[in-house]
PDB file of all heavy atoms in Angstrom:
ATOM      1  N   PRO A   1    -151.993   7.007  51.360  1.00  0.00           N
ATOM      2  CA  PRO A   1    -151.724   5.887  50.482  1.00  0.00           C
ATOM      3  C   PRO A   1    -150.622   6.189  49.458  1.00  0.00           C
ATOM      4  O   PRO A   1    -149.775   5.340  49.197  1.00  0.00           O
ATOM      5  CB  PRO A   1    -153.055   5.659  49.788  1.00  0.00           C
ATOM      6  CG  PRO A   1    -153.678   7.021  49.729  1.00  0.00           C
ATOM      7  CD  PRO A   1    -153.196   7.738  50.968  1.00  0.00           C
ATOM      8  N   GLU A   2    -150.595   7.397  48.871  1.00  0.00           N
ATOM      9  CA  GLU A   2    -149.628   7.645  47.801  1.00  0.00           C
ATOM     10  C   GLU A   2    -148.567   8.674  48.157  1.00  0.00           C
ATOM     11  O   GLU A   2    -147.425   8.545  47.765  1.00  0.00           O
ATOM     12  CB  GLU A   2    -150.358   8.096  46.530  1.00  0.00           C
ATOM     13  CG  GLU A   2    -151.282   7.045  45.969  1.00  0.00           C
ATOM     14  CD  GLU A   2    -152.100   7.559  44.804  1.00  0.00           C
ATOM     15  OE1 GLU A   2    -151.738   8.607  44.242  1.00  0.00           O
ATOM     16  OE2 GLU A   2    -153.097   6.916  44.462  1.00  0.00           O
ATOM     17  N   VAL A   3    -148.970   9.696  48.866  1.00  0.00           N
ATOM     18  CA  VAL A   3    -148.047  10.785  49.165  1.00  0.00           C
ATOM     19  C   VAL A   3    -148.105  11.100  50.661  1.00  0.00           C
ATOM     20  O   VAL A   3    -149.169  11.053  51.266  1.00  0.00           O
ATOM     21  CB  VAL A   3    -148.374  12.037  48.304  1.00  0.00           C
ATOM     22  CG1 VAL A   3    -149.714  12.626  48.672  1.00  0.00           C
ATOM     23  CG2 VAL A   3    -147.273  13.072  48.378  1.00  0.00           C
ATOM     24  N   ALA A   4    -146.956  11.390  51.227  1.00  0.00           N
ATOM     25  CA  ALA A   4    -146.890  11.687  52.664  1.00  0.00           C
ATOM     26  C   ALA A   4    -147.591  13.004  52.977  1.00  0.00           C
ATOM     27  O   ALA A   4    -147.476  13.979  52.222  1.00  0.00           O
ATOM     28  CB  ALA A   4    -145.440  11.741  53.119  1.00  0.00           C
ATOM     29  N   THR A   5    -148.302  12.998  54.100  1.00  0.00           N
ATOM     30  CA  THR A   5    -148.884  14.236  54.607  1.00  0.00           C
ATOM     31  C   THR A   5    -148.360  14.468  56.020  1.00  0.00           C
ATOM     32  O   THR A   5    -147.976  13.536  56.726  1.00  0.00           O
ATOM     33  CB  THR A   5    -150.428  14.192  54.624  1.00  0.00           C
ATOM     34  OG1 THR A   5    -150.863  13.091  55.418  1.00  0.00           O
ATOM     35  CG2 THR A   5    -150.986  14.094  53.212  1.00  0.00           C
ATOM     36  N   TYR A   6    -148.359  15.726  56.405  1.00  0.00           N
ATOM     37  CA  TYR A   6    -147.807  16.149  57.689  1.00  0.00           C
ATOM     38  C   TYR A   6    -148.885  16.869  58.488  1.00  0.00           C
ATOM     39  O   TYR A   6    -149.630  17.690  57.952  1.00  0.00           O
ATOM     40  CB  TYR A   6    -146.613  17.080  57.472  1.00  0.00           C
ATOM     41  CG  TYR A   6    -145.491  16.422  56.721  1.00  0.00           C
ATOM     42  CD1 TYR A   6    -145.500  16.370  55.322  1.00  0.00           C
ATOM     43  CD2 TYR A   6    -144.429  15.828  57.390  1.00  0.00           C
ATOM     44  CE1 TYR A   6    -144.459  15.743  54.621  1.00  0.00           C
ATOM     45  CE2 TYR A   6    -143.408  15.206  56.704  1.00  0.00           C
ATOM     46  CZ  TYR A   6    -143.435  15.170  55.324  1.00  0.00           C
ATOM     47  OH  TYR A   6    -142.420  14.546  54.648  1.00  0.00           O
ATOM     48  N   ALA A   7    -148.926  16.558  59.780  1.00  0.00           N
ATOM     49  CA  ALA A   7    -149.865  17.201  60.699  1.00  0.00           C
ATOM     50  C   ALA A   7    -149.133  17.486  62.006  1.00  0.00           C
ATOM     51  O   ALA A   7    -148.225  16.747  62.384  1.00  0.00           O
ATOM     52  CB  ALA A   7    -151.060  16.289  60.955  1.00  0.00           C
ATOM     53  N   PRO A   8    -149.517  18.545  62.698  1.00  0.00           N
ATOM     54  CA  PRO A   8    -148.875  18.833  63.985  1.00  0.00           C
ATOM     55  C   PRO A   8    -149.250  17.791  65.019  1.00  0.00           C
ATOM     56  O   PRO A   8    -150.364  17.269  65.009  1.00  0.00           O
ATOM     57  CB  PRO A   8    -149.430  20.206  64.356  1.00  0.00           C
ATOM     58  CG  PRO A   8    -150.695  20.348  63.582  1.00  0.00           C
ATOM     59  CD  PRO A   8    -150.552  19.511  62.350  1.00  0.00           C
ATOM     60  N   ASP A   9    -148.311  17.485  65.910  1.00  0.00           N
ATOM     61  CA  ASP A   9    -148.573  16.512  66.973  1.00  0.00           C
ATOM     62  C   ASP A   9    -149.114  17.181  68.230  1.00  0.00           C
ATOM     63  O   ASP A   9    -149.448  16.501  69.192  1.00  0.00           O
ATOM     64  CB  ASP A   9    -147.308  15.716  67.299  1.00  0.00           C
ATOM     65  CG  ASP A   9    -147.606  14.510  68.182  1.00  0.00           C
ATOM     66  OD1 ASP A   9    -148.635  13.854  67.948  1.00  0.00           O
ATOM     67  OD2 ASP A   9    -146.827  14.242  69.111  1.00  0.00           O
ATOM     68  N   PHE A  10    -149.188  18.503  68.236  1.00  0.00           N
ATOM     69  CA  PHE A  10    -149.761  19.247  69.344  1.00  0.00           C
ATOM     70  C   PHE A  10    -150.377  20.519  68.797  1.00  0.00           C
ATOM     71  O   PHE A  10    -150.021  20.973  67.716  1.00  0.00           O
ATOM     72  CB  PHE A  10    -148.719  19.558  70.436  1.00  0.00           C
ATOM     73  CG  PHE A  10    -147.422  20.110  69.918  1.00  0.00           C
ATOM     74  CD1 PHE A  10    -147.264  21.464  69.681  1.00  0.00           C
ATOM     75  CD2 PHE A  10    -146.352  19.264  69.665  1.00  0.00           C
ATOM     76  CE1 PHE A  10    -146.062  21.967  69.197  1.00  0.00           C
ATOM     77  CE2 PHE A  10    -145.146  19.764  69.194  1.00  0.00           C
ATOM     78  CZ  PHE A  10    -145.008  21.123  68.957  1.00  0.00           C
ATOM     79  N   THR A  11    -151.334  21.053  69.534  1.00  0.00           N
ATOM     80  CA  THR A  11    -152.034  22.249  69.072  1.00  0.00           C
ATOM     81  C   THR A  11    -151.225  23.513  69.372  1.00  0.00           C
ATOM     82  O   THR A  11    -150.308  23.511  70.205  1.00  0.00           O
ATOM     83  CB  THR A  11    -153.407  22.385  69.758  1.00  0.00           C
ATOM     84  OG1 THR A  11    -153.194  22.653  71.159  1.00  0.00           O
ATOM     85  CG2 THR A  11    -154.269  21.144  69.562  1.00  0.00           C
ATOM     86  N   LYS A  12    -151.621  24.580  68.714  1.00  0.00           N
ATOM     87  CA  LYS A  12    -150.995  25.874  68.981  1.00  0.00           C
ATOM     88  C   LYS A  12    -151.242  26.278  70.435  1.00  0.00           C
ATOM     89  O   LYS A  12    -150.361  26.819  71.098  1.00  0.00           O
ATOM     90  CB  LYS A  12    -151.565  26.923  68.024  1.00  0.00           C
ATOM     91  CG  LYS A  12    -150.865  28.243  68.074  1.00  0.00           C
ATOM     92  CD  LYS A  12    -151.397  29.166  66.986  1.00  0.00           C
ATOM     93  CE  LYS A  12    -150.597  30.436  66.910  1.00  0.00           C
ATOM     94  NZ  LYS A  12    -151.041  31.298  65.797  1.00  0.00           N
ATOM     95  N   GLY A  13    -152.426  25.978  70.941  1.00  0.00           N
ATOM     96  CA  GLY A  13    -152.744  26.287  72.333  1.00  0.00           C
ATOM     97  C   GLY A  13    -151.867  25.524  73.311  1.00  0.00           C
ATOM     98  O   GLY A  13    -151.427  26.079  74.319  1.00  0.00           O
ATOM     99  N   GLU A  14    -151.619  24.250  73.019  1.00  0.00           N
ATOM    100  CA  GLU A  14    -150.738  23.460  73.877  1.00  0.00           C
ATOM    101  C   GLU A  14    -149.325  24.030  73.863  1.00  0.00           C
ATOM    102  O   GLU A  14    -148.673  24.124  74.914  1.00  0.00           O
ATOM    103  CB  GLU A  14    -150.719  21.998  73.427  1.00  0.00           C
ATOM    104  CG  GLU A  14    -152.004  21.269  73.712  1.00  0.00           C
ATOM    105  CD  GLU A  14    -152.100  19.916  73.035  1.00  0.00           C
ATOM    106  OE1 GLU A  14    -151.463  19.705  71.973  1.00  0.00           O
ATOM    107  OE2 GLU A  14    -152.830  19.059  73.562  1.00  0.00           O
ATOM    108  N   TYR A  15    -148.846  24.413  72.693  1.00  0.00           N
ATOM    109  CA  TYR A  15    -147.505  24.980  72.605  1.00  0.00           C
ATOM    110  C   TYR A  15    -147.445  26.335  73.325  1.00  0.00           C
ATOM    111  O   TYR A  15    -146.494  26.628  74.036  1.00  0.00           O
ATOM    112  CB  TYR A  15    -147.064  25.127  71.151  1.00  0.00           C
ATOM    113  CG  TYR A  15    -145.613  25.497  71.014  1.00  0.00           C
ATOM    114  CD1 TYR A  15    -144.624  24.618  71.441  1.00  0.00           C
ATOM    115  CD2 TYR A  15    -145.224  26.719  70.479  1.00  0.00           C
ATOM    116  CE1 TYR A  15    -143.277  24.948  71.333  1.00  0.00           C
ATOM    117  CE2 TYR A  15    -143.883  27.053  70.362  1.00  0.00           C
ATOM    118  CZ  TYR A  15    -142.916  26.170  70.791  1.00  0.00           C
ATOM    119  OH  TYR A  15    -141.583  26.504  70.694  1.00  0.00           O
ATOM    120  N   GLY A  16    -148.497  27.129  73.149  1.00  0.00           N
ATOM    121  CA  GLY A  16    -148.558  28.416  73.850  1.00  0.00           C
ATOM    122  C   GLY A  16    -148.521  28.243  75.355  1.00  0.00           C
ATOM    123  O   GLY A  16    -147.841  28.985  76.073  1.00  0.00           O
ATOM    124  N   TRP A  17    -149.249  27.240  75.855  1.00  0.00           N
ATOM    125  CA  TRP A  17    -149.234  26.968  77.293  1.00  0.00           C
ATOM    126  C   TRP A  17    -147.835  26.576  77.748  1.00  0.00           C
ATOM    127  O   TRP A  17    -147.355  27.036  78.778  1.00  0.00           O
ATOM    128  CB  TRP A  17    -150.243  25.883  77.659  1.00  0.00           C
ATOM    129  CG  TRP A  17    -150.010  25.370  79.052  1.00  0.00           C
ATOM    130  CD1 TRP A  17    -149.596  24.127  79.409  1.00  0.00           C
ATOM    131  CD2 TRP A  17    -150.124  26.107  80.272  1.00  0.00           C
ATOM    132  NE1 TRP A  17    -149.457  24.041  80.774  1.00  0.00           N
ATOM    133  CE2 TRP A  17    -149.774  25.249  81.342  1.00  0.00           C
ATOM    134  CE3 TRP A  17    -150.490  27.416  80.571  1.00  0.00           C
ATOM    135  CZ2 TRP A  17    -149.780  25.651  82.661  1.00  0.00           C
ATOM    136  CZ3 TRP A  17    -150.486  27.814  81.906  1.00  0.00           C
ATOM    137  CH2 TRP A  17    -150.139  26.941  82.928  1.00  0.00           C
ATOM    138  N   ASP A  18    -147.169  25.726  76.967  1.00  0.00           N
ATOM    139  CA  ASP A  18    -145.805  25.318  77.319  1.00  0.00           C
ATOM    140  C   ASP A  18    -144.904  26.543  77.469  1.00  0.00           C
ATOM    141  O   ASP A  18    -144.155  26.666  78.442  1.00  0.00           O
ATOM    142  CB  ASP A  18    -145.209  24.405  76.245  1.00  0.00           C
ATOM    143  CG  ASP A  18    -145.862  23.042  76.186  1.00  0.00           C
ATOM    144  OD1 ASP A  18    -146.547  22.654  77.158  1.00  0.00           O
ATOM    145  OD2 ASP A  18    -145.681  22.359  75.171  1.00  0.00           O
ATOM    146  N   LEU A  19    -144.973  27.447  76.490  1.00  0.00           N
ATOM    147  CA  LEU A  19    -144.133  28.646  76.536  1.00  0.00           C
ATOM    148  C   LEU A  19    -144.496  29.542  77.712  1.00  0.00           C
ATOM    149  O   LEU A  19    -143.615  30.063  78.410  1.00  0.00           O
ATOM    150  CB  LEU A  19    -144.252  29.426  75.226  1.00  0.00           C
ATOM    151  CG  LEU A  19    -143.717  28.748  73.981  1.00  0.00           C
ATOM    152  CD1 LEU A  19    -143.998  29.608  72.756  1.00  0.00           C
ATOM    153  CD2 LEU A  19    -142.230  28.467  74.104  1.00  0.00           C
ATOM    154  N   ALA A  20    -145.799  29.720  77.939  1.00  0.00           N
ATOM    155  CA  ALA A  20    -146.247  30.571  79.042  1.00  0.00           C
ATOM    156  C   ALA A  20    -145.808  30.009  80.385  1.00  0.00           C
ATOM    157  O   ALA A  20    -145.339  30.756  81.258  1.00  0.00           O
ATOM    158  CB  ALA A  20    -147.769  30.727  78.993  1.00  0.00           C
ATOM    159  N   GLU A  21    -145.945  28.702  80.541  1.00  0.00           N
ATOM    160  CA  GLU A  21    -145.557  28.088  81.815  1.00  0.00           C
ATOM    161  C   GLU A  21    -144.063  28.247  82.077  1.00  0.00           C
ATOM    162  O   GLU A  21    -143.642  28.585  83.187  1.00  0.00           O
ATOM    163  CB  GLU A  21    -145.948  26.610  81.837  1.00  0.00           C
ATOM    164  CG  GLU A  21    -145.716  25.987  83.190  1.00  0.00           C
ATOM    165  CD  GLU A  21    -146.175  24.547  83.267  1.00  0.00           C
ATOM    166  OE1 GLU A  21    -146.273  23.877  82.232  1.00  0.00           O
ATOM    167  OE2 GLU A  21    -146.419  24.099  84.398  1.00  0.00           O
ATOM    168  N   VAL A  22    -143.260  28.059  81.045  1.00  0.00           N
ATOM    169  CA  VAL A  22    -141.811  28.222  81.196  1.00  0.00           C
ATOM    170  C   VAL A  22    -141.475  29.675  81.528  1.00  0.00           C
ATOM    171  O   VAL A  22    -140.650  29.953  82.405  1.00  0.00           O
ATOM    172  CB  VAL A  22    -141.069  27.747  79.926  1.00  0.00           C
ATOM    173  CG1 VAL A  22    -139.610  28.176  79.939  1.00  0.00           C
ATOM    174  CG2 VAL A  22    -141.165  26.227  79.803  1.00  0.00           C
ATOM    175  N   LEU A  23    -142.129  30.608  80.846  1.00  0.00           N
ATOM    176  CA  LEU A  23    -141.883  32.028  81.095  1.00  0.00           C
ATOM    177  C   LEU A  23    -142.201  32.387  82.551  1.00  0.00           C
ATOM    178  O   LEU A  23    -141.387  33.007  83.242  1.00  0.00           O
ATOM    179  CB  LEU A  23    -142.730  32.878  80.144  1.00  0.00           C
ATOM    180  CG  LEU A  23    -142.656  34.384  80.341  1.00  0.00           C
ATOM    181  CD1 LEU A  23    -141.280  34.909  79.963  1.00  0.00           C
ATOM    182  CD2 LEU A  23    -143.740  35.067  79.521  1.00  0.00           C
ATOM    183  N   VAL A  24    -143.357  31.971  83.016  1.00  0.00           N
ATOM    184  CA  VAL A  24    -143.750  32.289  84.397  1.00  0.00           C
ATOM    185  C   VAL A  24    -142.799  31.629  85.389  1.00  0.00           C
ATOM    186  O   VAL A  24    -142.368  32.266  86.360  1.00  0.00           O
ATOM    187  CB  VAL A  24    -145.214  31.874  84.661  1.00  0.00           C
ATOM    188  CG1 VAL A  24    -145.550  31.959  86.143  1.00  0.00           C
ATOM    189  CG2 VAL A  24    -146.162  32.754  83.852  1.00  0.00           C
ATOM    190  N   GLN A  25    -142.447  30.387  85.166  1.00  0.00           N
ATOM    191  CA  GLN A  25    -141.556  29.685  86.095  1.00  0.00           C
ATOM    192  C   GLN A  25    -140.152  30.287  86.100  1.00  0.00           C
ATOM    193  O   GLN A  25    -139.573  30.504  87.170  1.00  0.00           O
ATOM    194  CB  GLN A  25    -141.485  28.191  85.749  1.00  0.00           C
ATOM    195  CG  GLN A  25    -142.767  27.434  86.004  1.00  0.00           C
ATOM    196  CD  GLN A  25    -143.226  27.491  87.451  1.00  0.00           C
ATOM    197  OE1 GLN A  25    -142.433  27.483  88.377  1.00  0.00           O
ATOM    198  NE2 GLN A  25    -144.529  27.582  87.636  1.00  0.00           N
ATOM    199  N   ARG A  26    -139.606  30.532  84.925  1.00  0.00           N
ATOM    200  CA  ARG A  26    -138.205  30.974  84.843  1.00  0.00           C
ATOM    201  C   ARG A  26    -137.997  32.432  85.203  1.00  0.00           C
ATOM    202  O   ARG A  26    -137.045  32.775  85.893  1.00  0.00           O
ATOM    203  CB  ARG A  26    -137.659  30.732  83.438  1.00  0.00           C
ATOM    204  CG  ARG A  26    -137.410  29.277  83.146  1.00  0.00           C
ATOM    205  CD  ARG A  26    -136.713  29.108  81.837  1.00  0.00           C
ATOM    206  NE  ARG A  26    -136.538  27.697  81.521  1.00  0.00           N
ATOM    207  CZ  ARG A  26    -136.129  27.242  80.361  1.00  0.00           C
ATOM    208  NH1 ARG A  26    -135.843  28.079  79.388  1.00  0.00           N
ATOM    209  NH2 ARG A  26    -136.001  25.952  80.164  1.00  0.00           N
ATOM    210  N   LEU A  27    -138.870  33.299  84.705  1.00  0.00           N
ATOM    211  CA  LEU A  27    -138.642  34.732  84.902  1.00  0.00           C
ATOM    212  C   LEU A  27    -139.388  35.321  86.094  1.00  0.00           C
ATOM    213  O   LEU A  27    -138.991  36.346  86.623  1.00  0.00           O
ATOM    214  CB  LEU A  27    -139.014  35.509  83.634  1.00  0.00           C
ATOM    215  CG  LEU A  27    -138.134  35.243  82.424  1.00  0.00           C
ATOM    216  CD1 LEU A  27    -138.613  36.065  81.236  1.00  0.00           C
ATOM    217  CD2 LEU A  27    -136.679  35.575  82.730  1.00  0.00           C
ATOM    218  N   TYR A  28    -140.480  34.688  86.482  1.00  0.00           N
ATOM    219  CA  TYR A  28    -141.307  35.251  87.540  1.00  0.00           C
ATOM    220  C   TYR A  28    -141.448  34.313  88.738  1.00  0.00           C
ATOM    221  O   TYR A  28    -142.349  34.481  89.551  1.00  0.00           O
ATOM    222  CB  TYR A  28    -142.686  35.627  86.980  1.00  0.00           C
ATOM    223  CG  TYR A  28    -142.586  36.722  85.940  1.00  0.00           C
ATOM    224  CD1 TYR A  28    -142.563  36.404  84.582  1.00  0.00           C
ATOM    225  CD2 TYR A  28    -142.466  38.052  86.304  1.00  0.00           C
ATOM    226  CE1 TYR A  28    -142.450  37.409  83.622  1.00  0.00           C
ATOM    227  CE2 TYR A  28    -142.353  39.056  85.358  1.00  0.00           C
ATOM    228  CZ  TYR A  28    -142.341  38.718  84.015  1.00  0.00           C
ATOM    229  OH  TYR A  28    -142.218  39.708  83.070  1.00  0.00           O
ATOM    230  N   ASP A  29    -140.564  33.335  88.831  1.00  0.00           N
ATOM    231  CA  ASP A  29    -140.560  32.399  89.962  1.00  0.00           C
ATOM    232  C   ASP A  29    -141.942  31.812  90.243  1.00  0.00           C
ATOM    233  O   ASP A  29    -142.345  31.651  91.394  1.00  0.00           O
ATOM    234  CB  ASP A  29    -140.011  33.077  91.222  1.00  0.00           C
ATOM    235  CG  ASP A  29    -138.553  33.453  91.082  1.00  0.00           C
ATOM    236  OD1 ASP A  29    -137.808  32.668  90.463  1.00  0.00           O
ATOM    237  OD2 ASP A  29    -138.173  34.528  91.575  1.00  0.00           O
ATOM    238  N   GLY A  30    -142.682  31.521  89.176  1.00  0.00           N
ATOM    239  CA  GLY A  30    -143.993  30.911  89.319  1.00  0.00           C
ATOM    240  C   GLY A  30    -145.123  31.874  89.635  1.00  0.00           C
ATOM    241  O   GLY A  30    -146.258  31.457  89.824  1.00  0.00           O
ATOM    242  N   ASP A  31    -144.827  33.169  89.686  1.00  0.00           N
ATOM    243  CA  ASP A  31    -145.830  34.171  90.045  1.00  0.00           C
ATOM    244  C   ASP A  31    -146.461  34.763  88.781  1.00  0.00           C
ATOM    245  O   ASP A  31    -145.951  35.727  88.208  1.00  0.00           O
ATOM    246  CB  ASP A  31    -145.176  35.271  90.889  1.00  0.00           C
ATOM    247  CG  ASP A  31    -146.161  36.320  91.374  1.00  0.00           C
ATOM    248  OD1 ASP A  31    -147.371  36.198  91.089  1.00  0.00           O
ATOM    249  OD2 ASP A  31    -145.708  37.275  92.047  1.00  0.00           O
ATOM    250  N   ALA A  32    -147.582  34.199  88.357  1.00  0.00           N
ATOM    251  CA  ALA A  32    -148.256  34.664  87.141  1.00  0.00           C
ATOM    252  C   ALA A  32    -148.748  36.104  87.282  1.00  0.00           C
ATOM    253  O   ALA A  32    -148.807  36.844  86.298  1.00  0.00           O
ATOM    254  CB  ALA A  32    -149.408  33.735  86.791  1.00  0.00           C
ATOM    255  N   LYS A  33    -149.102  36.510  88.508  1.00  0.00           N
ATOM    256  CA  LYS A  33    -149.540  37.893  88.717  1.00  0.00           C
ATOM    257  C   LYS A  33    -148.439  38.880  88.346  1.00  0.00           C
ATOM    258  O   LYS A  33    -148.727  39.953  87.812  1.00  0.00           O
ATOM    259  CB  LYS A  33    -149.976  38.098  90.172  1.00  0.00           C
ATOM    260  CG  LYS A  33    -151.230  37.349  90.560  1.00  0.00           C
ATOM    261  CD  LYS A  33    -151.659  37.628  91.984  1.00  0.00           C
ATOM    262  CE  LYS A  33    -150.669  37.289  93.042  1.00  0.00           C
ATOM    263  NZ  LYS A  33    -150.272  35.901  93.213  1.00  0.00           N
ATOM    264  N   ALA A  34    -147.199  38.520  88.594  1.00  0.00           N
ATOM    265  CA  ALA A  34    -146.080  39.397  88.235  1.00  0.00           C
ATOM    266  C   ALA A  34    -145.989  39.563  86.721  1.00  0.00           C
ATOM    267  O   ALA A  34    -145.696  40.659  86.228  1.00  0.00           O
ATOM    268  CB  ALA A  34    -144.774  38.847  88.801  1.00  0.00           C
ATOM    269  N   LEU A  35    -146.261  38.498  85.988  1.00  0.00           N
ATOM    270  CA  LEU A  35    -146.275  38.602  84.528  1.00  0.00           C
ATOM    271  C   LEU A  35    -147.396  39.526  84.079  1.00  0.00           C
ATOM    272  O   LEU A  35    -147.183  40.412  83.244  1.00  0.00           O
ATOM    273  CB  LEU A  35    -146.438  37.225  83.887  1.00  0.00           C
ATOM    274  CG  LEU A  35    -146.709  37.221  82.377  1.00  0.00           C
ATOM    275  CD1 LEU A  35    -145.565  37.862  81.603  1.00  0.00           C
ATOM    276  CD2 LEU A  35    -146.975  35.809  81.890  1.00  0.00           C
ATOM    277  N   VAL A  36    -148.576  39.354  84.641  1.00  0.00           N
ATOM    278  CA  VAL A  36    -149.713  40.201  84.275  1.00  0.00           C
ATOM    279  C   VAL A  36    -149.416  41.657  84.614  1.00  0.00           C
ATOM    280  O   VAL A  36    -149.711  42.565  83.826  1.00  0.00           O
ATOM    281  CB  VAL A  36    -151.003  39.712  84.972  1.00  0.00           C
ATOM    282  CG1 VAL A  36    -152.156  40.678  84.744  1.00  0.00           C
ATOM    283  CG2 VAL A  36    -151.369  38.318  84.455  1.00  0.00           C
ATOM    284  N   ALA A  37    -148.802  41.908  85.766  1.00  0.00           N
ATOM    285  CA  ALA A  37    -148.441  43.276  86.147  1.00  0.00           C
ATOM    286  C   ALA A  37    -147.456  43.868  85.144  1.00  0.00           C
ATOM    287  O   ALA A  37    -147.569  45.040  84.758  1.00  0.00           O
ATOM    288  CB  ALA A  37    -147.846  43.298  87.559  1.00  0.00           C
ATOM    289  N   THR A  38    -146.513  43.076  84.698  1.00  0.00           N
ATOM    290  CA  THR A  38    -145.548  43.547  83.698  1.00  0.00           C
ATOM    291  C   THR A  38    -146.269  43.893  82.397  1.00  0.00           C
ATOM    292  O   THR A  38    -145.977  44.928  81.769  1.00  0.00           O
ATOM    293  CB  THR A  38    -144.468  42.471  83.441  1.00  0.00           C
ATOM    294  OG1 THR A  38    -143.776  42.238  84.665  1.00  0.00           O
ATOM    295  CG2 THR A  38    -143.491  42.896  82.371  1.00  0.00           C
ATOM    296  N   LEU A  39    -147.196  43.052  81.986  1.00  0.00           N
ATOM    297  CA  LEU A  39    -147.960  43.327  80.768  1.00  0.00           C
ATOM    298  C   LEU A  39    -148.744  44.629  80.903  1.00  0.00           C
ATOM    299  O   LEU A  39    -148.813  45.425  79.961  1.00  0.00           O
ATOM    300  CB  LEU A  39    -148.898  42.157  80.455  1.00  0.00           C
ATOM    301  CG  LEU A  39    -148.228  40.836  80.092  1.00  0.00           C
ATOM    302  CD1 LEU A  39    -149.263  39.723  79.991  1.00  0.00           C
ATOM    303  CD2 LEU A  39    -147.433  40.957  78.805  1.00  0.00           C
ATOM    304  N   GLY A  40    -149.310  44.859  82.069  1.00  0.00           N
ATOM    305  CA  GLY A  40    -150.043  46.101  82.311  1.00  0.00           C
ATOM    306  C   GLY A  40    -149.142  47.319  82.289  1.00  0.00           C
ATOM    307  O   GLY A  40    -149.462  48.336  81.669  1.00  0.00           O
ATOM    308  N   ARG A  41    -148.000  47.216  82.955  1.00  0.00           N
ATOM    309  CA  ARG A  41    -147.055  48.351  82.999  1.00  0.00           C
ATOM    310  C   ARG A  41    -146.565  48.740  81.615  1.00  0.00           C
ATOM    311  O   ARG A  41    -146.234  49.898  81.371  1.00  0.00           O
ATOM    312  CB  ARG A  41    -145.862  48.012  83.878  1.00  0.00           C
ATOM    313  CG  ARG A  41    -146.086  48.229  85.361  1.00  0.00           C
ATOM    314  CD  ARG A  41    -144.788  48.206  86.156  1.00  0.00           C
ATOM    315  NE  ARG A  41    -144.030  46.971  85.994  1.00  0.00           N
ATOM    316  CZ  ARG A  41    -144.256  45.839  86.657  1.00  0.00           C
ATOM    317  NH1 ARG A  41    -145.247  45.774  87.526  1.00  0.00           N
ATOM    318  NH2 ARG A  41    -143.512  44.775  86.458  1.00  0.00           N
ATOM    319  N   HIS A  42    -146.530  47.802  80.720  1.00  0.00           N
ATOM    320  CA  HIS A  42    -146.004  48.072  79.373  1.00  0.00           C
ATOM    321  C   HIS A  42    -147.115  48.254  78.342  1.00  0.00           C
ATOM    322  O   HIS A  42    -146.857  48.223  77.135  1.00  0.00           O
ATOM    323  CB  HIS A  42    -145.037  46.965  78.958  1.00  0.00           C
ATOM    324  CG  HIS A  42    -143.788  46.987  79.764  1.00  0.00           C
ATOM    325  ND1 HIS A  42    -142.730  47.837  79.509  1.00  0.00           N
ATOM    326  CD2 HIS A  42    -143.432  46.289  80.878  1.00  0.00           C
ATOM    327  CE1 HIS A  42    -141.785  47.652  80.397  1.00  0.00           C
ATOM    328  NE2 HIS A  42    -142.185  46.720  81.248  1.00  0.00           N
ATOM    329  N   GLY A  43    -148.325  48.465  78.811  1.00  0.00           N
ATOM    330  CA  GLY A  43    -149.427  48.813  77.926  1.00  0.00           C
ATOM    331  C   GLY A  43    -150.030  47.675  77.120  1.00  0.00           C
ATOM    332  O   GLY A  43    -150.788  47.924  76.185  1.00  0.00           O
ATOM    333  N   MET A  44    -149.711  46.451  77.482  1.00  0.00           N
ATOM    334  CA  MET A  44    -150.276  45.324  76.742  1.00  0.00           C
ATOM    335  C   MET A  44    -151.623  44.885  77.314  1.00  0.00           C
ATOM    336  O   MET A  44    -152.355  44.148  76.660  1.00  0.00           O
ATOM    337  CB  MET A  44    -149.295  44.163  76.708  1.00  0.00           C
ATOM    338  CG  MET A  44    -148.030  44.500  75.911  1.00  0.00           C
ATOM    339  SD  MET A  44    -146.956  43.090  75.691  1.00  0.00           S
ATOM    340  CE  MET A  44    -147.796  42.251  74.363  1.00  0.00           C
ATOM    341  N   LEU A  45    -151.939  45.308  78.522  1.00  0.00           N
ATOM    342  CA  LEU A  45    -153.233  45.060  79.147  1.00  0.00           C
ATOM    343  C   LEU A  45    -153.712  46.363  79.770  1.00  0.00           C
ATOM    344  O   LEU A  45    -152.930  47.092  80.379  1.00  0.00           O
ATOM    345  CB  LEU A  45    -153.124  44.008  80.263  1.00  0.00           C
ATOM    346  CG  LEU A  45    -152.896  42.565  79.859  1.00  0.00           C
ATOM    347  CD1 LEU A  45    -152.639  41.714  81.101  1.00  0.00           C
ATOM    348  CD2 LEU A  45    -154.083  42.015  79.094  1.00  0.00           C
ATOM    349  N   ASN A  46    -154.998  46.648  79.622  1.00  0.00           N
ATOM    350  CA  ASN A  46    -155.570  47.811  80.282  1.00  0.00           C
ATOM    351  C   ASN A  46    -156.663  47.353  81.249  1.00  0.00           C
ATOM    352  O   ASN A  46    -156.914  46.157  81.393  1.00  0.00           O
ATOM    353  CB  ASN A  46    -156.102  48.823  79.252  1.00  0.00           C
ATOM    354  CG  ASN A  46    -157.162  48.222  78.356  1.00  0.00           C
ATOM    355  OD1 ASN A  46    -157.967  47.395  78.791  1.00  0.00           O
ATOM    356  ND2 ASN A  46    -157.174  48.621  77.094  1.00  0.00           N
TER     357      ASN A  46
END
């Protein structure tokens, strides 16, 4: 009513999914397993 407020139009999870999907499609030709393997090789997953 008196002062403008701001809210996100999408969730952090939705944005994270967007980024993840682009990463898998662009760098790994749609192969999510290749991304997971890369994460494992670099110590981000055990």
